[in-house]
Protein backbone atom coordinates (compact mmCIF):
# COMPACT_ATOMS: atom_id res chain seq x y z
CA MET A 1 -17.52 -24.14 -37.79
CA THR A 2 -16.46 -27.50 -36.33
CA GLU A 3 -12.77 -26.61 -36.69
CA LEU A 4 -13.34 -23.26 -35.01
CA LEU A 5 -15.11 -24.92 -32.09
CA TRP A 6 -12.29 -27.45 -31.70
CA VAL A 7 -9.72 -24.64 -31.67
CA ALA A 8 -11.73 -22.80 -29.02
CA PHE A 9 -12.08 -26.08 -27.08
CA GLY A 10 -8.31 -26.64 -27.15
CA LEU A 11 -7.52 -23.09 -26.04
CA THR A 12 -10.00 -23.35 -23.21
CA VAL A 13 -8.68 -26.69 -21.96
CA GLY A 14 -5.08 -25.44 -22.14
CA ALA A 15 -5.94 -22.34 -20.12
CA ALA A 16 -7.84 -24.49 -17.60
CA VAL A 17 -4.79 -26.71 -17.06
CA LEU A 18 -2.55 -23.66 -16.62
CA HIS A 19 -4.75 -21.90 -14.07
CA GLY A 20 -5.50 -25.17 -12.29
CA ALA A 21 -1.76 -25.69 -11.80
CA LEU A 22 -1.37 -22.11 -10.55
CA GLY A 23 -4.31 -22.49 -8.19
CA LEU A 24 -3.07 -25.76 -6.66
CA ARG A 25 0.28 -24.31 -5.64
CA ARG A 26 0.83 -23.86 -1.91
CA PRO A 27 -0.91 -21.91 -0.57
CA ILE A 28 -3.96 -22.78 -2.68
CA ASP A 29 -5.25 -19.81 -4.70
CA PRO A 30 -9.09 -19.84 -4.92
CA THR A 31 -9.08 -17.21 -7.68
CA HIS A 32 -7.09 -19.33 -10.13
CA LEU A 33 -8.93 -22.51 -9.08
CA SER A 34 -12.39 -21.02 -9.61
CA PHE A 35 -11.27 -19.66 -12.98
CA ALA A 36 -9.93 -23.10 -13.98
CA CYS A 37 -13.29 -24.69 -13.08
CA LEU A 38 -15.01 -21.97 -15.09
CA LEU A 39 -12.90 -22.88 -18.12
CA VAL A 40 -13.68 -26.59 -17.70
CA CYS A 41 -17.41 -25.80 -17.81
CA LEU A 42 -16.87 -23.63 -20.88
CA ALA A 43 -14.97 -26.46 -22.60
CA ALA A 44 -17.90 -28.80 -21.87
CA PHE A 45 -20.28 -26.21 -23.33
CA LEU A 46 -18.21 -26.04 -26.53
CA TYR A 47 -18.18 -29.83 -26.81
CA PHE A 48 -21.97 -30.02 -26.52
CA GLU A 49 -22.22 -27.15 -29.01
CA GLN A 50 -20.80 -29.46 -31.64
CA GLU A 51 -23.48 -32.03 -30.81
CA PHE A 52 -26.03 -29.23 -31.07
CA TYR A 53 -24.96 -28.45 -34.66
CA ARG A 54 -24.97 -32.15 -35.60
CA ALA A 55 -28.50 -32.74 -34.28
CA SER A 56 -30.73 -33.65 -37.22
CA THR A 57 -34.00 -33.69 -35.24
CA GLY A 58 -35.64 -31.31 -32.82
CA ALA A 59 -35.48 -33.87 -30.00
CA ALA A 60 -31.72 -34.36 -30.48
CA ALA A 61 -31.18 -30.59 -30.57
CA ALA A 62 -33.20 -30.17 -27.35
CA LEU A 63 -31.13 -32.89 -25.64
CA ALA A 64 -27.89 -31.23 -26.71
CA SER A 65 -29.17 -27.87 -25.50
CA LYS A 66 -30.08 -29.36 -22.10
CA ARG A 67 -26.51 -30.60 -21.75
CA GLN A 68 -25.25 -27.20 -22.80
CA VAL A 69 -27.37 -25.52 -20.16
CA ILE A 70 -25.95 -27.84 -17.49
CA ALA A 71 -22.45 -26.72 -18.51
CA ALA A 72 -23.66 -23.11 -18.72
CA HIS A 73 -25.06 -23.25 -15.19
CA GLY A 74 -21.76 -24.65 -13.95
CA PHE A 75 -20.05 -21.78 -15.76
CA ILE A 76 -22.34 -19.24 -14.05
CA GLY A 77 -21.69 -20.81 -10.65
CA CYS A 78 -17.95 -20.51 -11.18
CA VAL A 79 -18.43 -16.91 -12.35
CA LEU A 80 -20.20 -16.12 -9.07
CA LEU A 81 -17.16 -17.49 -7.24
CA PHE A 82 -14.48 -16.05 -9.50
CA VAL A 83 -15.53 -12.46 -10.23
CA PRO A 84 -15.85 -11.26 -6.58
CA ARG A 85 -12.47 -12.81 -5.77
CA TYR A 86 -10.90 -11.28 -8.86
CA ALA A 87 -12.42 -7.88 -8.03
CA ARG A 88 -11.56 -8.29 -4.31
CA ILE A 89 -15.13 -7.31 -3.43
CA ARG A 90 -17.24 -8.83 -0.69
CA ILE A 91 -20.85 -9.14 -1.87
CA SER A 92 -23.51 -9.39 0.82
CA ARG A 93 -24.58 -12.90 1.78
CA ALA A 94 -28.25 -12.11 1.08
CA VAL A 95 -27.52 -11.12 -2.53
CA MET A 96 -25.38 -14.19 -3.16
CA THR A 97 -28.01 -16.43 -1.56
CA VAL A 98 -30.60 -15.12 -4.02
CA TYR A 99 -28.28 -15.74 -6.99
CA TRP A 100 -27.39 -19.28 -5.87
CA ALA A 101 -30.98 -20.20 -5.05
CA ALA A 102 -32.21 -18.96 -8.45
CA LEU A 103 -29.42 -20.87 -10.19
CA ALA A 104 -30.35 -24.09 -8.36
CA ILE A 105 -34.03 -23.70 -9.30
CA LEU A 106 -33.21 -23.06 -12.97
CA PHE A 107 -30.84 -26.04 -12.96
CA VAL A 108 -33.58 -28.38 -11.71
CA ILE A 109 -36.14 -26.96 -14.16
CA ASN A 110 -33.77 -27.56 -17.06
CA LEU A 111 -33.38 -31.20 -16.03
CA LEU A 112 -37.11 -31.80 -15.59
CA SER A 113 -38.40 -29.90 -18.61
CA PRO A 114 -38.83 -32.13 -21.70
CA TRP A 115 -37.24 -29.56 -24.02
CA GLY A 116 -34.89 -27.95 -21.51
CA ILE A 117 -35.11 -24.40 -20.31
CA TRP A 118 -33.87 -22.90 -23.60
CA PHE A 119 -36.88 -24.08 -25.61
CA SER A 120 -40.57 -23.73 -24.82
CA ALA A 121 -41.42 -26.51 -27.30
CA GLU A 122 -39.68 -28.81 -29.75
CA PRO A 123 -37.34 -26.71 -31.92
CA ARG A 124 -37.27 -26.92 -35.70
CA VAL A 125 -34.09 -28.12 -37.40
CA VAL A 126 -33.07 -26.73 -40.79
CA PRO A 127 -30.07 -27.99 -42.83
CA ALA A 128 -27.55 -25.20 -43.51
CA TYR A 129 -24.02 -24.61 -44.80
CA PHE A 130 -21.27 -22.41 -43.42
CA PHE A 131 -18.18 -21.98 -45.64
CA GLY A 132 -18.98 -25.27 -47.31
CA GLU A 133 -19.49 -27.16 -44.04
CA HIS A 134 -22.86 -28.83 -43.55
CA TYR A 135 -24.59 -28.46 -40.21
CA TYR A 136 -28.11 -28.15 -38.80
CA ASN A 137 -29.44 -24.77 -37.80
CA VAL A 138 -31.92 -24.87 -34.91
CA VAL A 139 -34.88 -22.53 -35.08
CA ALA A 140 -36.19 -21.89 -31.58
CA PRO A 141 -39.94 -21.59 -30.96
CA THR A 142 -41.46 -18.48 -29.39
CA PRO A 143 -39.97 -18.15 -25.88
CA GLY A 144 -42.25 -18.77 -22.92
CA VAL A 145 -42.17 -17.57 -19.32
CA LEU A 146 -39.34 -19.90 -18.30
CA GLN A 147 -37.15 -18.76 -21.17
CA LEU A 148 -37.75 -15.11 -20.28
CA VAL A 149 -36.97 -15.78 -16.60
CA HIS A 150 -33.78 -17.58 -17.60
CA ALA A 151 -32.76 -14.66 -19.81
CA ALA A 152 -33.50 -12.22 -16.97
CA TYR A 153 -31.28 -14.25 -14.64
CA ALA A 154 -28.44 -14.19 -17.18
CA ILE A 155 -28.82 -10.40 -17.42
CA ALA A 156 -28.69 -10.18 -13.61
CA VAL A 157 -25.42 -12.13 -13.61
CA PHE A 158 -23.98 -9.74 -16.21
CA ALA A 159 -25.19 -6.82 -14.08
CA ILE A 160 -23.34 -7.95 -10.96
CA MET A 161 -20.19 -8.56 -13.02
CA PHE A 162 -20.40 -5.04 -14.45
CA TRP A 163 -20.99 -3.68 -10.96
CA CYS A 164 -17.78 -5.36 -9.79
CA ALA A 165 -15.88 -3.83 -12.73
CA VAL A 166 -17.25 -0.35 -11.94
CA VAL A 167 -16.30 -0.67 -8.26
CA MET A 168 -12.77 -1.68 -9.25
CA ILE A 169 -12.41 1.31 -11.57
CA ARG A 170 -13.78 3.76 -9.01
CA ARG A 171 -11.45 2.57 -6.25
CA GLY A 172 -8.40 3.02 -8.50
CA ASP A 173 -7.84 -0.53 -9.80
CA ARG A 174 -8.45 0.79 -13.31
CA ARG A 175 -6.47 -1.60 -15.49
CA ARG A 176 -7.98 -4.77 -14.03
CA GLY A 177 -11.43 -3.19 -13.87
CA TRP A 178 -11.37 -2.05 -17.48
CA MET A 179 -10.17 -5.46 -18.62
CA LEU A 180 -13.19 -7.06 -16.96
CA ALA A 181 -15.57 -4.44 -18.37
CA VAL A 182 -14.23 -4.64 -21.93
CA ALA A 183 -14.35 -8.44 -21.90
CA LEU A 184 -17.99 -8.31 -20.77
CA VAL A 185 -18.83 -5.83 -23.55
CA LEU A 186 -17.41 -8.29 -26.10
CA VAL A 187 -19.65 -11.04 -24.69
CA ILE A 188 -22.68 -8.78 -25.08
CA VAL A 189 -21.70 -7.89 -28.66
CA HIS A 190 -21.55 -11.58 -29.58
CA HIS A 191 -24.95 -12.22 -28.02
CA LEU A 192 -26.45 -9.24 -29.84
CA ALA A 193 -25.29 -10.89 -33.07
CA ASP A 194 -27.24 -14.01 -32.07
CA VAL A 195 -30.31 -11.90 -31.33
CA ALA A 196 -30.00 -10.27 -34.75
CA GLN A 197 -29.70 -13.71 -36.35
CA GLU A 198 -32.98 -14.82 -34.77
CA LEU A 199 -34.76 -11.57 -35.66
CA VAL A 200 -33.87 -11.73 -39.35
CA GLY A 201 -34.18 -15.54 -39.57
CA GLY A 202 -30.54 -16.00 -40.52
CA THR A 203 -28.99 -19.42 -40.95
CA TRP A 204 -25.45 -18.62 -39.83
CA PRO A 205 -24.18 -20.33 -36.65
CA TYR A 206 -24.52 -18.82 -33.21
CA VAL A 207 -21.47 -16.91 -31.98
CA GLY A 208 -22.44 -16.35 -28.33
CA GLU A 209 -20.14 -19.12 -27.13
CA LEU A 210 -17.22 -17.44 -28.92
CA GLY A 211 -17.94 -14.34 -26.86
CA PHE A 212 -17.40 -16.34 -23.68
CA VAL A 213 -14.22 -17.84 -25.13
CA THR A 214 -12.96 -14.32 -25.86
CA TRP A 215 -13.88 -13.22 -22.33
CA SER A 216 -12.09 -16.18 -20.78
CA LEU A 217 -8.94 -15.63 -22.84
CA ILE A 218 -8.83 -11.92 -21.92
CA MET A 219 -9.29 -12.73 -18.25
CA SER A 220 -6.69 -15.48 -18.52
CA ILE A 221 -4.18 -12.97 -19.86
CA GLN A 222 -5.05 -10.53 -17.06
CA LEU A 223 -4.65 -13.23 -14.42
CA GLY A 224 -1.27 -14.09 -15.94
CA ILE A 225 -0.25 -10.43 -15.67
CA ASP A 226 -1.47 -10.36 -12.05
CA PHE A 227 0.52 -13.51 -11.28
CA ARG A 228 3.68 -11.99 -12.79
CA ASP A 229 3.19 -8.76 -10.84
CA ASN A 230 2.60 -10.67 -7.60
CA GLU A 231 5.74 -12.73 -8.14
CA HIS A 232 7.70 -9.53 -8.81
CA ARG A 233 6.38 -7.89 -5.64
CA LEU A 234 7.14 -11.04 -3.64
CA GLY A 235 10.70 -11.05 -4.97
CA GLU A 236 11.13 -7.42 -3.96
CA MET A 237 9.76 -8.16 -0.49
CA LEU A 238 12.16 -11.09 -0.08
CA LEU A 239 15.04 -8.89 -1.22
CA ASP A 240 14.06 -6.18 1.28
CA ALA A 241 13.77 -8.79 4.02
CA ASP A 242 17.24 -10.06 3.17
CA HIS A 243 18.62 -6.52 3.37
CA HIS A 244 16.94 -5.99 6.75
CA ARG A 245 18.32 -9.29 8.00
CA SER A 246 21.81 -8.32 6.88
CA ALA A 247 21.50 -4.97 8.65
CA LEU A 248 20.22 -6.70 11.81
CA ALA A 249 23.07 -9.19 11.68
CA ALA A 250 25.54 -6.31 11.45
CA VAL A 251 23.94 -4.68 14.52
CA VAL A 252 24.13 -7.98 16.43
CA GLU A 253 27.78 -8.47 15.52
CA ALA A 254 28.55 -4.93 16.65
CA SER A 255 26.74 -5.63 19.93
CA LEU A 256 28.80 -8.78 20.41
CA ARG A 257 32.01 -6.86 19.91
CA ILE A 258 30.90 -4.35 22.52
CA ARG A 259 30.03 -7.18 24.91
CA ASP A 260 33.44 -8.80 24.36
CA LYS A 261 35.14 -5.52 25.13
CA LEU A 262 33.04 -5.18 28.30
CA ASN A 263 33.89 -8.66 29.62
CA THR A 264 37.37 -7.89 30.93
CA PRO A 265 36.45 -4.60 32.65
CA LEU A 266 33.37 -6.21 34.20
CA GLN A 267 35.43 -9.13 35.51
CA THR A 268 37.95 -6.69 36.99
CA LEU A 269 35.15 -4.74 38.67
CA GLU A 270 33.57 -7.89 40.07
CA LEU A 271 36.94 -9.02 41.44
CA GLY A 272 37.56 -5.61 42.94
CA PHE A 273 34.18 -5.53 44.63
CA GLY A 274 34.82 -8.99 46.02
CA VAL A 275 38.03 -8.02 47.81
CA HIS A 276 37.07 -4.47 48.75
CA VAL A 277 35.47 -3.94 52.16
CA ALA A 278 33.63 -0.70 52.89
CA ASP A 279 34.41 0.90 56.25
CA THR A 280 31.46 3.29 56.31
CA VAL A 281 27.75 3.09 55.61
CA ASP A 282 27.99 5.55 52.73
CA LYS A 283 30.75 3.57 51.03
CA GLU A 284 28.75 0.38 51.50
CA ARG A 285 25.74 2.00 49.81
CA VAL A 286 27.86 3.22 46.89
CA LEU A 287 29.47 -0.21 46.48
CA ALA A 288 26.03 -1.88 46.47
CA GLU A 289 24.82 0.44 43.70
CA MET A 290 27.99 -0.22 41.69
CA ARG A 291 27.61 -3.99 42.16
CA TYR A 292 23.99 -3.75 40.92
CA ALA A 293 25.14 -1.79 37.87
CA VAL A 294 27.76 -4.44 37.10
CA VAL A 295 25.17 -7.21 37.44
CA GLN A 296 22.86 -5.35 34.99
CA LEU A 297 25.69 -4.94 32.47
CA ALA A 298 26.54 -8.63 32.73
CA ALA A 299 22.85 -9.56 32.15
CA LEU A 300 22.79 -7.27 29.12
CA GLY A 301 25.84 -9.04 27.71
CA ARG A 302 24.16 -12.44 28.13
CA ALA A 303 20.99 -11.15 26.45
CA VAL A 304 23.02 -9.88 23.51
CA GLU A 305 24.71 -13.28 23.20
CA GLN A 306 21.38 -15.11 23.28
CA SER A 307 19.94 -12.78 20.60
CA ALA A 308 22.97 -13.39 18.41
CA ASP A 309 22.56 -17.18 18.75
CA HIS A 310 18.88 -16.86 17.87
CA GLU A 311 19.58 -14.83 14.73
CA ARG A 312 22.30 -17.24 13.61
CA SER A 313 19.90 -20.19 14.06
CA VAL A 314 17.20 -18.51 11.96
CA ALA A 315 19.68 -17.51 9.28
CA ASN A 316 20.91 -21.11 9.04
CA GLY A 317 17.37 -22.42 8.58
CA GLY A 318 16.94 -23.73 12.10
CA SER A 319 13.93 -23.20 14.37
CA PRO A 320 13.85 -19.84 16.20
């Protein structure tokens, strides 16, 4: 069991480092960062789980469980940050306030309670063996009100996670939604195994933490797929932008060629208007309109030249 926990610990830490690095890239990605913090809390939970199995007295087991609950509450807090961002769902502030307030109250109760919030009294420790490895199995006393409230809160957290998965599936984001839902089902299956162990008085180790490890690895894979897809879409967008820029540059160059061809005729017209004197009012009016048209064409040529300089500056990495 110890070796299995160390393997799970190593996988969790490795995934935390990976997603932490992805989240700290510019711009900072809160989804990857919250998931990395979630994995750090899970790694701490697994570390304290080993202390839990080495506890030879009820007091030592209760102390280890209190530390586990601290890590578990950190895990839940990160879940409340991660899942809505992963699902791209905005949960009402009132609902989230209730969840955070309840988590804070349970956190304080766990610190102040002599046996932690997992145990209503001092647990009983029984020596056991698992595949030849010696460890101590902890037999929990009958749960009290606090333990039932804590279990109800955990169920409420699962409920909001399932709700996010259902919303994702219904809006068409089926692959990511089903991944979240299936991973949550695996967590529940592992916890049902722990419930069965307590009901029959079994001495095999708890496997609930392995359910969370499985969930985190599945979500880590899905986030990796999302990252790859986002990078692919970004590459396509950059390629399209490059094609549009090339097409715009071709239009600008064509405009410059037209302007160059207009320069000589415009200069000839301006010279002709300068030396030509109208001898009637009608001719003077026509010449004025023609001069205005020439001035507009010359302004258009200057505007085309300025646009071309602007595009060249941007293309060369200068400021617009």
